[in-house]
Amino acid sequence: MAEFRFQKLEIWQIAIEIADTLFDIADNLEQRKLFRFADQLRGAGMSMSNNIAEGSGSSFKKVFNRYLDDARNSAFENANIAILLCRRKLISEKQKEDILEDLDKFCRKTSSFQKSLNR
């Protein structure tokens, strides 16, 4: 079975796990007819892993690094969405805290990975 380089990256695996959580929340939002919230959450959730995957295809570390910056930026977008959803009582405080913890872990590991690329 074919396997792409990005699939072995821990940061991609973390991003996919976060996306799964965000998709579950988006599914719940859709059931409540909050389609715009659901679409925004899905898009931002996919963006993290998509940027890692796309950037890993580059032959140039500098290009890959830029995509990793975009993935981290999407993590911040997801954090903002989680905070807003909690404020609107669309997710629980626990869900928000869990998501923020996972996003923080993702950002820290992505930063470390970027530093290793630049060596």
N, C-alpha and C. Protein backbone atom coordinates (compact mmCIF):
# COMPACT_ATOMS: atom_id res chain seq x y z
N MET A 1 0.85 -1.18 0.00
CA MET A 1 0.00 0.00 0.00
C MET A 1 0.90 1.24 0.00
N ALA A 2 0.56 2.19 -0.83
CA ALA A 2 1.33 3.43 -0.92
C ALA A 2 1.16 4.25 0.35
N GLU A 3 2.24 4.90 0.74
CA GLU A 3 2.20 5.78 1.90
C GLU A 3 2.97 7.06 1.56
N PHE A 4 2.38 8.17 1.88
CA PHE A 4 3.02 9.45 1.62
C PHE A 4 3.86 9.85 2.83
N ARG A 5 4.86 10.66 2.56
CA ARG A 5 5.80 11.13 3.59
C ARG A 5 5.08 11.74 4.79
N PHE A 6 4.06 12.54 4.51
CA PHE A 6 3.38 13.26 5.60
C PHE A 6 2.68 12.34 6.58
N GLN A 7 2.29 11.16 6.13
CA GLN A 7 1.56 10.24 6.99
C GLN A 7 2.40 9.75 8.17
N LYS A 8 3.71 9.82 8.03
CA LYS A 8 4.61 9.38 9.10
C LYS A 8 4.91 10.49 10.09
N LEU A 9 4.53 11.71 9.76
CA LEU A 9 4.84 12.85 10.63
C LEU A 9 3.89 12.90 11.82
N GLU A 10 4.45 12.99 13.00
CA GLU A 10 3.63 13.07 14.22
C GLU A 10 2.71 14.28 14.19
N ILE A 11 3.18 15.40 13.65
CA ILE A 11 2.34 16.60 13.63
C ILE A 11 1.13 16.41 12.72
N TRP A 12 1.30 15.67 11.64
CA TRP A 12 0.15 15.39 10.76
C TRP A 12 -0.84 14.48 11.48
N GLN A 13 -0.32 13.47 12.19
CA GLN A 13 -1.19 12.56 12.93
C GLN A 13 -1.99 13.30 14.01
N ILE A 14 -1.34 14.22 14.69
CA ILE A 14 -2.04 15.04 15.69
C ILE A 14 -3.10 15.90 15.01
N ALA A 15 -2.73 16.50 13.89
CA ALA A 15 -3.68 17.36 13.16
C ALA A 15 -4.92 16.57 12.71
N ILE A 16 -4.71 15.34 12.27
CA ILE A 16 -5.83 14.50 11.84
C ILE A 16 -6.75 14.17 13.03
N GLU A 17 -6.15 13.88 14.17
CA GLU A 17 -6.96 13.59 15.37
C GLU A 17 -7.78 14.80 15.77
N ILE A 18 -7.18 15.98 15.71
CA ILE A 18 -7.91 17.21 16.02
C ILE A 18 -9.04 17.41 15.01
N ALA A 19 -8.74 17.19 13.74
CA ALA A 19 -9.77 17.35 12.70
C ALA A 19 -10.94 16.41 12.96
N ASP A 20 -10.66 15.17 13.38
CA ASP A 20 -11.75 14.24 13.70
C ASP A 20 -12.67 14.81 14.77
N THR A 21 -12.07 15.37 15.82
CA THR A 21 -12.85 15.98 16.90
C THR A 21 -13.68 17.14 16.37
N LEU A 22 -13.05 17.99 15.57
CA LEU A 22 -13.75 19.17 15.04
C LEU A 22 -14.87 18.76 14.09
N PHE A 23 -14.65 17.71 13.30
CA PHE A 23 -15.70 17.22 12.40
C PHE A 23 -16.89 16.69 13.20
N ASP A 24 -16.62 16.01 14.32
CA ASP A 24 -17.72 15.52 15.16
C ASP A 24 -18.54 16.70 15.69
N ILE A 25 -17.87 17.75 16.10
CA ILE A 25 -18.57 18.94 16.58
C ILE A 25 -19.36 19.58 15.43
N ALA A 26 -18.74 19.63 14.24
CA ALA A 26 -19.41 20.21 13.07
C ALA A 26 -20.67 19.41 12.72
N ASP A 27 -20.59 18.09 12.82
CA ASP A 27 -21.77 17.26 12.56
C ASP A 27 -22.90 17.62 13.51
N ASN A 28 -22.57 17.82 14.78
CA ASN A 28 -23.55 18.21 15.78
C ASN A 28 -24.13 19.59 15.45
N LEU A 29 -23.28 20.51 15.03
CA LEU A 29 -23.76 21.85 14.68
C LEU A 29 -24.71 21.81 13.49
N GLU A 30 -24.42 20.95 12.53
CA GLU A 30 -25.30 20.81 11.37
C GLU A 30 -26.67 20.31 11.77
N GLN A 31 -26.70 19.37 12.72
CA GLN A 31 -27.99 18.85 13.20
C GLN A 31 -28.82 19.96 13.83
N ARG A 32 -28.12 20.97 14.35
CA ARG A 32 -28.81 22.12 14.96
C ARG A 32 -29.04 23.23 13.93
N LYS A 33 -28.75 22.92 12.66
CA LYS A 33 -28.95 23.84 11.53
C LYS A 33 -28.03 25.06 11.59
N LEU A 34 -26.87 24.87 12.20
CA LEU A 34 -25.86 25.94 12.28
C LEU A 34 -24.79 25.65 11.22
N PHE A 35 -25.22 25.75 9.97
CA PHE A 35 -24.39 25.32 8.84
C PHE A 35 -23.12 26.17 8.68
N ARG A 36 -23.22 27.46 8.89
CA ARG A 36 -22.05 28.32 8.72
C ARG A 36 -20.97 27.97 9.74
N PHE A 37 -21.35 27.77 10.98
CA PHE A 37 -20.40 27.35 12.01
C PHE A 37 -19.76 26.01 11.62
N ALA A 38 -20.59 25.08 11.16
CA ALA A 38 -20.09 23.75 10.79
C ALA A 38 -19.10 23.83 9.64
N ASP A 39 -19.43 24.61 8.62
CA ASP A 39 -18.54 24.75 7.47
C ASP A 39 -17.21 25.38 7.87
N GLN A 40 -17.27 26.42 8.67
CA GLN A 40 -16.05 27.11 9.10
C GLN A 40 -15.16 26.17 9.91
N LEU A 41 -15.77 25.40 10.79
CA LEU A 41 -15.02 24.48 11.63
C LEU A 41 -14.38 23.37 10.80
N ARG A 42 -15.11 22.84 9.85
CA ARG A 42 -14.55 21.79 8.99
C ARG A 42 -13.38 22.33 8.16
N GLY A 43 -13.57 23.51 7.58
CA GLY A 43 -12.51 24.09 6.75
C GLY A 43 -11.24 24.34 7.53
N ALA A 44 -11.37 24.94 8.69
CA ALA A 44 -10.21 25.24 9.52
C ALA A 44 -9.59 23.95 10.06
N GLY A 45 -10.43 22.98 10.36
CA GLY A 45 -9.93 21.69 10.85
C GLY A 45 -9.13 20.95 9.80
N MET A 46 -9.59 20.97 8.57
CA MET A 46 -8.86 20.31 7.49
C MET A 46 -7.59 21.05 7.11
N SER A 47 -7.59 22.34 7.28
CA SER A 47 -6.47 23.16 6.84
C SER A 47 -5.16 22.78 7.51
N MET A 48 -5.21 22.39 8.76
CA MET A 48 -3.98 22.02 9.47
C MET A 48 -3.29 20.85 8.78
N SER A 49 -3.99 19.75 8.64
CA SER A 49 -3.38 18.56 8.02
C SER A 49 -3.14 18.76 6.53
N ASN A 50 -4.02 19.49 5.85
CA ASN A 50 -3.83 19.75 4.42
C ASN A 50 -2.54 20.52 4.17
N ASN A 51 -2.26 21.52 4.98
CA ASN A 51 -1.03 22.30 4.79
C ASN A 51 0.21 21.45 5.04
N ILE A 52 0.17 20.60 6.03
CA ILE A 52 1.30 19.71 6.29
C ILE A 52 1.50 18.78 5.11
N ALA A 53 0.42 18.19 4.63
CA ALA A 53 0.51 17.27 3.50
C ALA A 53 1.05 17.97 2.26
N GLU A 54 0.48 19.11 1.95
CA GLU A 54 0.90 19.84 0.75
C GLU A 54 2.36 20.29 0.85
N GLY A 55 2.74 20.83 1.98
CA GLY A 55 4.10 21.30 2.16
C GLY A 55 5.13 20.19 2.12
N SER A 56 4.75 19.01 2.59
CA SER A 56 5.70 17.89 2.61
C SER A 56 6.06 17.42 1.21
N GLY A 57 5.27 17.80 0.24
CA GLY A 57 5.55 17.43 -1.15
C GLY A 57 6.62 18.30 -1.79
N SER A 58 7.01 19.36 -1.14
CA SER A 58 8.00 20.27 -1.70
C SER A 58 9.41 19.71 -1.52
N SER A 59 10.26 20.03 -2.47
CA SER A 59 11.67 19.65 -2.38
C SER A 59 12.48 20.65 -1.56
N PHE A 60 11.85 21.76 -1.20
CA PHE A 60 12.55 22.85 -0.53
C PHE A 60 12.06 23.02 0.90
N LYS A 61 13.00 23.00 1.85
CA LYS A 61 12.66 23.17 3.26
C LYS A 61 11.95 24.50 3.52
N LYS A 62 12.39 25.54 2.83
CA LYS A 62 11.79 26.87 3.03
C LYS A 62 10.30 26.87 2.66
N VAL A 63 9.97 26.18 1.59
CA VAL A 63 8.56 26.09 1.15
C VAL A 63 7.77 25.27 2.17
N PHE A 64 8.32 24.13 2.59
CA PHE A 64 7.65 23.30 3.59
C PHE A 64 7.42 24.09 4.87
N ASN A 65 8.41 24.86 5.27
CA ASN A 65 8.31 25.68 6.48
C ASN A 65 7.15 26.68 6.38
N ARG A 66 6.97 27.26 5.20
CA ARG A 66 5.86 28.20 5.01
C ARG A 66 4.51 27.51 5.19
N TYR A 67 4.39 26.29 4.67
CA TYR A 67 3.16 25.54 4.84
C TYR A 67 2.93 25.17 6.31
N LEU A 68 4.01 24.88 7.01
CA LEU A 68 3.88 24.59 8.44
C LEU A 68 3.41 25.82 9.20
N ASP A 69 3.87 27.01 8.78
CA ASP A 69 3.36 28.26 9.38
C ASP A 69 1.85 28.36 9.14
N ASP A 70 1.43 28.03 7.92
CA ASP A 70 -0.01 28.09 7.61
C ASP A 70 -0.80 27.10 8.46
N ALA A 71 -0.23 25.92 8.69
CA ALA A 71 -0.89 24.92 9.54
C ALA A 71 -1.04 25.44 10.97
N ARG A 72 0.02 26.08 11.48
CA ARG A 72 -0.04 26.66 12.83
C ARG A 72 -1.07 27.79 12.87
N ASN A 73 -1.12 28.61 11.83
CA ASN A 73 -2.11 29.68 11.77
C ASN A 73 -3.52 29.11 11.82
N SER A 74 -3.75 28.00 11.14
CA SER A 74 -5.06 27.35 11.18
C SER A 74 -5.38 26.84 12.58
N ALA A 75 -4.37 26.42 13.32
CA ALA A 75 -4.59 25.99 14.71
C ALA A 75 -5.12 27.16 15.54
N PHE A 76 -4.56 28.33 15.32
CA PHE A 76 -5.04 29.52 16.04
C PHE A 76 -6.48 29.84 15.64
N GLU A 77 -6.79 29.67 14.37
CA GLU A 77 -8.16 29.88 13.92
C GLU A 77 -9.10 28.90 14.61
N ASN A 78 -8.68 27.65 14.71
CA ASN A 78 -9.50 26.65 15.39
C ASN A 78 -9.68 26.98 16.87
N ALA A 79 -8.64 27.49 17.50
CA ALA A 79 -8.75 27.89 18.90
C ALA A 79 -9.79 28.99 19.05
N ASN A 80 -9.75 29.97 18.17
CA ASN A 80 -10.72 31.06 18.21
C ASN A 80 -12.14 30.55 18.02
N ILE A 81 -12.31 29.64 17.08
CA ILE A 81 -13.65 29.07 16.82
C ILE A 81 -14.14 28.32 18.06
N ALA A 82 -13.26 27.53 18.68
CA ALA A 82 -13.66 26.77 19.88
C ALA A 82 -14.08 27.71 21.00
N ILE A 83 -13.35 28.79 21.17
CA ILE A 83 -13.69 29.77 22.21
C ILE A 83 -15.06 30.39 21.92
N LEU A 84 -15.27 30.75 20.68
CA LEU A 84 -16.56 31.35 20.29
C LEU A 84 -17.71 30.35 20.48
N LEU A 85 -17.49 29.11 20.05
CA LEU A 85 -18.53 28.09 20.22
C LEU A 85 -18.87 27.88 21.68
N CYS A 86 -17.89 27.91 22.53
CA CYS A 86 -18.13 27.76 23.97
C CYS A 86 -18.89 28.97 24.52
N ARG A 87 -18.49 30.16 24.11
CA ARG A 87 -19.19 31.37 24.56
C ARG A 87 -20.66 31.35 24.16
N ARG A 88 -20.94 30.75 22.99
CA ARG A 88 -22.32 30.66 22.49
C ARG A 88 -23.04 29.43 23.04
N LYS A 89 -22.36 28.70 23.94
CA LYS A 89 -22.93 27.49 24.57
C LYS A 89 -23.22 26.39 23.54
N LEU A 90 -22.41 26.35 22.48
CA LEU A 90 -22.57 25.33 21.45
C LEU A 90 -21.64 24.14 21.70
N ILE A 91 -20.62 24.34 22.52
CA ILE A 91 -19.80 23.24 23.05
C ILE A 91 -19.58 23.53 24.53
N SER A 92 -19.23 22.49 25.26
CA SER A 92 -19.02 22.65 26.70
C SER A 92 -17.65 23.26 26.99
N GLU A 93 -17.50 23.74 28.19
CA GLU A 93 -16.21 24.27 28.65
C GLU A 93 -15.14 23.17 28.57
N LYS A 94 -15.50 21.96 28.93
CA LYS A 94 -14.56 20.82 28.86
C LYS A 94 -14.12 20.56 27.42
N GLN A 95 -15.07 20.57 26.49
CA GLN A 95 -14.71 20.37 25.08
C GLN A 95 -13.75 21.45 24.61
N LYS A 96 -14.05 22.68 24.98
CA LYS A 96 -13.18 23.79 24.58
C LYS A 96 -11.78 23.59 25.15
N GLU A 97 -11.69 23.28 26.43
CA GLU A 97 -10.38 23.11 27.06
C GLU A 97 -9.60 21.96 26.43
N ASP A 98 -10.29 20.86 26.13
CA ASP A 98 -9.62 19.73 25.49
C ASP A 98 -9.08 20.12 24.11
N ILE A 99 -9.89 20.83 23.36
CA ILE A 99 -9.47 21.27 22.02
C ILE A 99 -8.28 22.22 22.12
N LEU A 100 -8.36 23.17 23.04
CA LEU A 100 -7.26 24.13 23.20
C LEU A 100 -5.97 23.43 23.62
N GLU A 101 -6.08 22.42 24.49
CA GLU A 101 -4.89 21.64 24.89
C GLU A 101 -4.29 20.93 23.68
N ASP A 102 -5.14 20.30 22.88
CA ASP A 102 -4.66 19.59 21.70
C ASP A 102 -4.03 20.55 20.69
N LEU A 103 -4.64 21.70 20.51
CA LEU A 103 -4.10 22.70 19.58
C LEU A 103 -2.77 23.25 20.08
N ASP A 104 -2.67 23.47 21.38
CA ASP A 104 -1.41 23.94 21.94
C ASP A 104 -0.30 22.90 21.72
N LYS A 105 -0.61 21.65 21.96
CA LYS A 105 0.35 20.57 21.73
C LYS A 105 0.77 20.55 20.26
N PHE A 106 -0.20 20.68 19.37
CA PHE A 106 0.10 20.70 17.94
C PHE A 106 1.03 21.86 17.59
N CYS A 107 0.75 23.04 18.12
CA CYS A 107 1.57 24.21 17.82
C CYS A 107 3.00 24.03 18.34
N ARG A 108 3.13 23.53 19.56
CA ARG A 108 4.47 23.32 20.13
C ARG A 108 5.27 22.31 19.31
N LYS A 109 4.64 21.20 18.95
CA LYS A 109 5.34 20.17 18.17
C LYS A 109 5.66 20.66 16.76
N THR A 110 4.77 21.45 16.19
CA THR A 110 5.03 21.99 14.86
C THR A 110 6.21 22.96 14.90
N SER A 111 6.25 23.79 15.92
CA SER A 111 7.39 24.72 16.07
C SER A 111 8.70 23.96 16.22
N SER A 112 8.68 22.91 17.02
CA SER A 112 9.89 22.10 17.19
C SER A 112 10.30 21.44 15.89
N PHE A 113 9.33 20.95 15.14
CA PHE A 113 9.62 20.32 13.86
C PHE A 113 10.22 21.35 12.89
N GLN A 114 9.68 22.58 12.90
CA GLN A 114 10.21 23.63 12.05
C GLN A 114 11.67 23.93 12.39
N LYS A 115 11.97 23.96 13.69
CA LYS A 115 13.36 24.22 14.11
C LYS A 115 14.27 23.11 13.60
N SER A 116 13.81 21.87 13.64
CA SER A 116 14.63 20.76 13.16
C SER A 116 14.85 20.84 11.64
N LEU A 117 13.88 21.38 10.92
CA LEU A 117 14.03 21.56 9.47
C LEU A 117 15.09 22.60 9.15
N ASN A 118 15.21 23.59 10.01
CA ASN A 118 16.12 24.71 9.75
C ASN A 118 17.57 24.43 10.16
N ARG A 119 17.84 23.26 10.68
CA ARG A 119 19.22 22.93 11.10
C ARG A 119 20.03 22.49 9.92
